[in-house]
Amino acid sequence: MNWFKDARTKTGLSQGAMSDAIGIPVRTIQEWEQGRKDCPAWTKKLILAEVERIKHRMNAWRDVGITATSKHKEVEGVTTFEDKNKNWFQIYYNEDGTVKSARVCYAGTSDDYL
């Protein structure tokens, strides 16, 4: 297995989900994983650091019962998840990627955690 596929597999994300998470086109990911192309060492270092950040966040999500397949969006250190009933859950992060706080909203009421 190559370096990128190994890193992506550890997160449990598909190529498409990883593309969304780190902003690299799916085609580029496919070429890296198939060994047709490679990237500079400095790029690998940045990508692997981002993969570690993603794994940290996904572990925090799992702790509260959220999976990588949940509908979510991430904006400036806040990840928001929404279910089919329009309930939502937000996780706020510190700059180092650790969880700062969380908030959940069910049918118009909200509670803060952490």
N, C-alpha and C. Protein backbone atom coordinates (compact mmCIF):
# COMPACT_ATOMS: atom_id res chain seq x y z
N MET A 1 0.86 -1.18 0.00
CA MET A 1 0.00 0.00 0.00
C MET A 1 0.90 1.24 0.00
N ASN A 2 0.48 2.30 -0.68
CA ASN A 2 1.31 3.51 -0.70
C ASN A 2 0.98 4.45 0.45
N TRP A 3 1.80 5.48 0.61
CA TRP A 3 1.68 6.38 1.76
C TRP A 3 0.31 7.04 1.87
N PHE A 4 -0.26 7.48 0.74
CA PHE A 4 -1.53 8.21 0.81
C PHE A 4 -2.69 7.27 1.11
N LYS A 5 -2.73 6.15 0.42
CA LYS A 5 -3.83 5.20 0.65
C LYS A 5 -3.79 4.69 2.08
N ASP A 6 -2.60 4.45 2.60
CA ASP A 6 -2.45 4.00 3.99
C ASP A 6 -3.01 5.06 4.94
N ALA A 7 -2.65 6.33 4.73
CA ALA A 7 -3.13 7.42 5.58
C ALA A 7 -4.64 7.58 5.47
N ARG A 8 -5.16 7.55 4.24
CA ARG A 8 -6.60 7.72 4.03
C ARG A 8 -7.38 6.58 4.66
N THR A 9 -6.89 5.36 4.50
CA THR A 9 -7.56 4.18 5.04
C THR A 9 -7.68 4.26 6.56
N LYS A 10 -6.67 4.83 7.22
CA LYS A 10 -6.71 4.96 8.69
C LYS A 10 -7.81 5.90 9.15
N THR A 11 -8.23 6.82 8.29
CA THR A 11 -9.32 7.72 8.66
C THR A 11 -10.68 7.08 8.41
N GLY A 12 -10.73 6.07 7.54
CA GLY A 12 -11.99 5.44 7.19
C GLY A 12 -12.76 6.21 6.12
N LEU A 13 -12.13 7.24 5.54
CA LEU A 13 -12.81 8.05 4.52
C LEU A 13 -12.63 7.47 3.13
N SER A 14 -13.64 7.67 2.29
CA SER A 14 -13.53 7.29 0.88
C SER A 14 -12.64 8.32 0.19
N GLN A 15 -12.28 8.05 -1.05
CA GLN A 15 -11.49 9.02 -1.82
C GLN A 15 -12.24 10.34 -1.95
N GLY A 16 -13.54 10.27 -2.20
CA GLY A 16 -14.35 11.48 -2.34
C GLY A 16 -14.44 12.28 -1.05
N ALA A 17 -14.64 11.58 0.07
CA ALA A 17 -14.72 12.27 1.36
C ALA A 17 -13.38 12.88 1.73
N MET A 18 -12.29 12.18 1.43
CA MET A 18 -10.96 12.73 1.70
C MET A 18 -10.70 13.95 0.83
N SER A 19 -11.15 13.88 -0.40
CA SER A 19 -11.02 15.02 -1.31
C SER A 19 -11.71 16.25 -0.73
N ASP A 20 -12.92 16.06 -0.24
CA ASP A 20 -13.67 17.16 0.39
C ASP A 20 -12.96 17.67 1.63
N ALA A 21 -12.41 16.76 2.42
CA ALA A 21 -11.79 17.13 3.70
C ALA A 21 -10.51 17.92 3.53
N ILE A 22 -9.69 17.59 2.52
CA ILE A 22 -8.40 18.27 2.40
C ILE A 22 -8.27 19.13 1.15
N GLY A 23 -9.30 19.15 0.31
CA GLY A 23 -9.28 20.04 -0.84
C GLY A 23 -8.38 19.62 -1.99
N ILE A 24 -8.15 18.33 -2.12
CA ILE A 24 -7.36 17.79 -3.23
C ILE A 24 -8.30 17.04 -4.16
N PRO A 25 -8.22 17.30 -5.47
CA PRO A 25 -9.14 16.63 -6.40
C PRO A 25 -9.08 15.10 -6.30
N VAL A 26 -10.23 14.46 -6.46
CA VAL A 26 -10.31 12.99 -6.41
C VAL A 26 -9.35 12.37 -7.42
N ARG A 27 -9.27 12.95 -8.60
CA ARG A 27 -8.38 12.39 -9.64
C ARG A 27 -6.92 12.36 -9.17
N THR A 28 -6.49 13.41 -8.49
CA THR A 28 -5.12 13.46 -7.96
C THR A 28 -4.92 12.36 -6.92
N ILE A 29 -5.91 12.19 -6.04
CA ILE A 29 -5.85 11.14 -5.03
C ILE A 29 -5.74 9.77 -5.69
N GLN A 30 -6.55 9.55 -6.73
CA GLN A 30 -6.50 8.27 -7.44
C GLN A 30 -5.12 8.04 -8.05
N GLU A 31 -4.54 9.06 -8.65
CA GLU A 31 -3.22 8.92 -9.26
C GLU A 31 -2.14 8.64 -8.22
N TRP A 32 -2.23 9.27 -7.05
CA TRP A 32 -1.28 8.99 -5.98
C TRP A 32 -1.42 7.57 -5.49
N GLU A 33 -2.67 7.13 -5.26
CA GLU A 33 -2.90 5.79 -4.72
C GLU A 33 -2.52 4.69 -5.71
N GLN A 34 -2.63 4.98 -6.99
CA GLN A 34 -2.27 3.99 -8.01
C GLN A 34 -0.80 4.07 -8.40
N GLY A 35 -0.06 5.00 -7.77
CA GLY A 35 1.37 5.11 -8.01
C GLY A 35 1.75 5.76 -9.33
N ARG A 36 0.79 6.37 -10.01
CA ARG A 36 1.10 7.02 -11.30
C ARG A 36 1.76 8.38 -11.11
N LYS A 37 1.47 9.02 -9.97
CA LYS A 37 2.06 10.32 -9.67
C LYS A 37 2.44 10.35 -8.20
N ASP A 38 3.34 11.24 -7.87
CA ASP A 38 3.72 11.46 -6.48
C ASP A 38 3.82 12.95 -6.25
N CYS A 39 3.96 13.36 -5.03
CA CYS A 39 4.07 14.78 -4.73
C CYS A 39 5.37 15.03 -3.96
N PRO A 40 5.79 16.29 -3.88
CA PRO A 40 7.02 16.61 -3.14
C PRO A 40 6.92 16.22 -1.67
N ALA A 41 8.07 16.00 -1.05
CA ALA A 41 8.13 15.60 0.36
C ALA A 41 7.45 16.61 1.27
N TRP A 42 7.59 17.90 1.00
CA TRP A 42 6.97 18.92 1.86
C TRP A 42 5.44 18.82 1.79
N THR A 43 4.92 18.46 0.61
CA THR A 43 3.47 18.30 0.45
C THR A 43 2.99 17.09 1.25
N LYS A 44 3.74 16.00 1.18
CA LYS A 44 3.39 14.80 1.95
C LYS A 44 3.32 15.13 3.44
N LYS A 45 4.30 15.89 3.90
CA LYS A 45 4.34 16.24 5.33
C LYS A 45 3.08 17.01 5.73
N LEU A 46 2.67 17.98 4.92
CA LEU A 46 1.47 18.76 5.21
C LEU A 46 0.21 17.88 5.17
N ILE A 47 0.14 17.02 4.17
CA ILE A 47 -1.03 16.14 4.04
C ILE A 47 -1.12 15.18 5.22
N LEU A 48 0.00 14.59 5.60
CA LEU A 48 -0.02 13.65 6.72
C LEU A 48 -0.39 14.35 8.03
N ALA A 49 0.03 15.60 8.20
CA ALA A 49 -0.37 16.37 9.39
C ALA A 49 -1.88 16.62 9.37
N GLU A 50 -2.42 16.93 8.19
CA GLU A 50 -3.86 17.16 8.07
C GLU A 50 -4.64 15.86 8.33
N VAL A 51 -4.12 14.74 7.86
CA VAL A 51 -4.76 13.45 8.10
C VAL A 51 -4.81 13.16 9.61
N GLU A 52 -3.74 13.49 10.33
CA GLU A 52 -3.74 13.31 11.78
C GLU A 52 -4.81 14.17 12.44
N ARG A 53 -4.95 15.41 11.96
CA ARG A 53 -5.99 16.31 12.48
C ARG A 53 -7.38 15.72 12.22
N ILE A 54 -7.56 15.17 11.02
CA ILE A 54 -8.84 14.56 10.66
C ILE A 54 -9.12 13.36 11.58
N LYS A 55 -8.12 12.52 11.81
CA LYS A 55 -8.31 11.36 12.69
C LYS A 55 -8.70 11.80 14.09
N HIS A 56 -8.07 12.87 14.61
CA HIS A 56 -8.41 13.43 15.92
C HIS A 56 -9.89 13.80 15.96
N ARG A 57 -10.31 14.52 14.95
CA ARG A 57 -11.69 14.98 14.91
C ARG A 57 -12.66 13.83 14.78
N MET A 58 -12.33 12.86 13.95
CA MET A 58 -13.23 11.72 13.77
C MET A 58 -13.36 10.92 15.06
N ASN A 59 -12.27 10.84 15.84
CA ASN A 59 -12.36 10.17 17.14
C ASN A 59 -13.30 10.92 18.07
N ALA A 60 -13.23 12.25 18.04
CA ALA A 60 -14.14 13.06 18.86
C ALA A 60 -15.58 12.85 18.40
N TRP A 61 -15.79 12.76 17.10
CA TRP A 61 -17.14 12.53 16.57
C TRP A 61 -17.67 11.18 17.03
N ARG A 62 -16.83 10.15 16.94
CA ARG A 62 -17.25 8.81 17.35
C ARG A 62 -17.63 8.78 18.84
N ASP A 63 -16.91 9.57 19.64
CA ASP A 63 -17.20 9.62 21.08
C ASP A 63 -18.62 10.09 21.36
N VAL A 64 -19.19 10.87 20.47
CA VAL A 64 -20.56 11.36 20.66
C VAL A 64 -21.54 10.70 19.69
N GLY A 65 -21.11 9.62 19.03
CA GLY A 65 -22.01 8.84 18.19
C GLY A 65 -22.20 9.34 16.78
N ILE A 66 -21.28 10.17 16.27
CA ILE A 66 -21.39 10.68 14.91
C ILE A 66 -20.42 9.90 14.03
N THR A 67 -20.87 9.53 12.84
CA THR A 67 -20.00 8.80 11.92
C THR A 67 -19.54 9.71 10.79
N ALA A 68 -18.55 9.26 10.04
CA ALA A 68 -18.03 10.05 8.92
C ALA A 68 -19.07 10.23 7.82
N THR A 69 -20.11 9.41 7.85
CA THR A 69 -21.13 9.52 6.81
C THR A 69 -22.25 10.48 7.18
N SER A 70 -22.23 11.02 8.39
CA SER A 70 -23.25 12.00 8.78
C SER A 70 -23.09 13.26 7.92
N LYS A 71 -24.21 13.92 7.64
CA LYS A 71 -24.16 15.16 6.89
C LYS A 71 -23.49 16.22 7.76
N HIS A 72 -22.43 16.85 7.25
CA HIS A 72 -21.76 17.85 8.05
C HIS A 72 -21.10 18.92 7.19
N LYS A 73 -20.77 20.04 7.82
CA LYS A 73 -19.99 21.07 7.16
C LYS A 73 -19.03 21.64 8.19
N GLU A 74 -17.91 22.11 7.71
CA GLU A 74 -16.90 22.64 8.61
C GLU A 74 -16.54 24.05 8.19
N VAL A 75 -16.60 24.98 9.14
CA VAL A 75 -16.26 26.37 8.87
C VAL A 75 -15.45 26.91 10.04
N GLU A 76 -14.24 27.33 9.79
CA GLU A 76 -13.39 28.02 10.77
C GLU A 76 -13.43 27.42 12.17
N GLY A 77 -13.04 26.16 12.29
CA GLY A 77 -12.93 25.55 13.60
C GLY A 77 -14.22 25.04 14.23
N VAL A 78 -15.30 25.03 13.45
CA VAL A 78 -16.57 24.51 13.95
C VAL A 78 -17.11 23.52 12.93
N THR A 79 -17.41 22.31 13.38
CA THR A 79 -18.04 21.32 12.51
C THR A 79 -19.49 21.19 12.95
N THR A 80 -20.40 21.30 11.98
CA THR A 80 -21.83 21.19 12.26
C THR A 80 -22.39 19.96 11.57
N PHE A 81 -23.10 19.12 12.32
CA PHE A 81 -23.75 17.94 11.80
C PHE A 81 -25.25 18.15 11.88
N GLU A 82 -25.97 17.64 10.90
CA GLU A 82 -27.43 17.77 10.90
C GLU A 82 -28.05 16.44 10.51
N ASP A 83 -29.10 16.04 11.22
CA ASP A 83 -29.77 14.79 10.86
C ASP A 83 -31.02 15.08 10.04
N LYS A 84 -31.72 14.02 9.63
CA LYS A 84 -32.88 14.19 8.76
C LYS A 84 -34.03 14.92 9.43
N ASN A 85 -34.03 14.99 10.77
CA ASN A 85 -35.08 15.70 11.50
C ASN A 85 -34.71 17.15 11.80
N LYS A 86 -33.62 17.62 11.21
CA LYS A 86 -33.13 19.00 11.38
C LYS A 86 -32.59 19.27 12.78
N ASN A 87 -32.29 18.21 13.54
CA ASN A 87 -31.55 18.39 14.78
C ASN A 87 -30.10 18.61 14.38
N TRP A 88 -29.34 19.36 15.17
CA TRP A 88 -27.94 19.56 14.81
C TRP A 88 -27.03 19.46 16.01
N PHE A 89 -25.77 19.24 15.71
CA PHE A 89 -24.75 19.09 16.73
C PHE A 89 -23.52 19.82 16.23
N GLN A 90 -22.92 20.67 17.07
CA GLN A 90 -21.72 21.40 16.67
C GLN A 90 -20.56 21.05 17.60
N ILE A 91 -19.38 20.90 17.01
CA ILE A 91 -18.16 20.69 17.77
C ILE A 91 -17.24 21.87 17.47
N TYR A 92 -16.75 22.53 18.52
CA TYR A 92 -15.84 23.65 18.39
C TYR A 92 -14.43 23.17 18.73
N TYR A 93 -13.45 23.58 17.93
CA TYR A 93 -12.09 23.09 18.09
C TYR A 93 -11.11 24.20 18.48
N ASN A 94 -10.09 23.82 19.25
CA ASN A 94 -8.95 24.69 19.51
C ASN A 94 -8.07 24.69 18.26
N GLU A 95 -7.10 25.59 18.20
CA GLU A 95 -6.22 25.67 17.04
C GLU A 95 -5.44 24.39 16.81
N ASP A 96 -5.14 23.63 17.87
CA ASP A 96 -4.38 22.38 17.71
C ASP A 96 -5.25 21.19 17.32
N GLY A 97 -6.56 21.43 17.11
CA GLY A 97 -7.45 20.37 16.66
C GLY A 97 -8.17 19.63 17.77
N THR A 98 -7.84 19.93 19.02
CA THR A 98 -8.53 19.28 20.12
C THR A 98 -9.90 19.92 20.32
N VAL A 99 -10.80 19.16 20.92
CA VAL A 99 -12.17 19.66 21.11
C VAL A 99 -12.20 20.70 22.22
N LYS A 100 -12.80 21.82 21.90
CA LYS A 100 -12.94 22.93 22.85
C LYS A 100 -14.28 22.84 23.57
N SER A 101 -15.36 22.69 22.80
CA SER A 101 -16.70 22.56 23.37
C SER A 101 -17.63 21.97 22.32
N ALA A 102 -18.84 21.69 22.76
CA ALA A 102 -19.83 21.12 21.84
C ALA A 102 -21.21 21.67 22.19
N ARG A 103 -22.08 21.66 21.21
CA ARG A 103 -23.45 22.15 21.41
C ARG A 103 -24.39 21.26 20.58
N VAL A 104 -25.53 20.94 21.16
CA VAL A 104 -26.51 20.13 20.45
C VAL A 104 -27.86 20.85 20.49
N CYS A 105 -28.63 20.74 19.43
CA CYS A 105 -29.94 21.38 19.36
C CYS A 105 -30.96 20.36 18.89
N TYR A 106 -31.97 20.11 19.73
CA TYR A 106 -33.08 19.22 19.38
C TYR A 106 -34.36 20.03 19.36
N ALA A 107 -35.02 20.07 18.25
CA ALA A 107 -36.33 20.71 18.11
C ALA A 107 -36.40 22.09 18.78
N GLY A 108 -35.40 22.91 18.49
CA GLY A 108 -35.43 24.29 18.96
C GLY A 108 -34.84 24.55 20.33
N THR A 109 -34.39 23.50 21.02
CA THR A 109 -33.73 23.70 22.31
C THR A 109 -32.25 23.36 22.15
N SER A 110 -31.39 23.96 22.94
CA SER A 110 -29.97 23.64 22.81
C SER A 110 -29.32 23.48 24.17
N ASP A 111 -28.28 22.67 24.20
CA ASP A 111 -27.50 22.43 25.41
C ASP A 111 -26.03 22.53 25.06
N ASP A 112 -25.24 23.14 25.94
CA ASP A 112 -23.79 23.21 25.76
C ASP A 112 -23.14 22.09 26.56
N TYR A 113 -22.07 21.55 25.99
CA TYR A 113 -21.31 20.49 26.62
C TYR A 113 -19.86 20.89 26.69
N LEU A 114 -19.14 20.30 27.59
CA LEU A 114 -17.70 20.49 27.80
C LEU A 114 -17.38 21.81 28.38
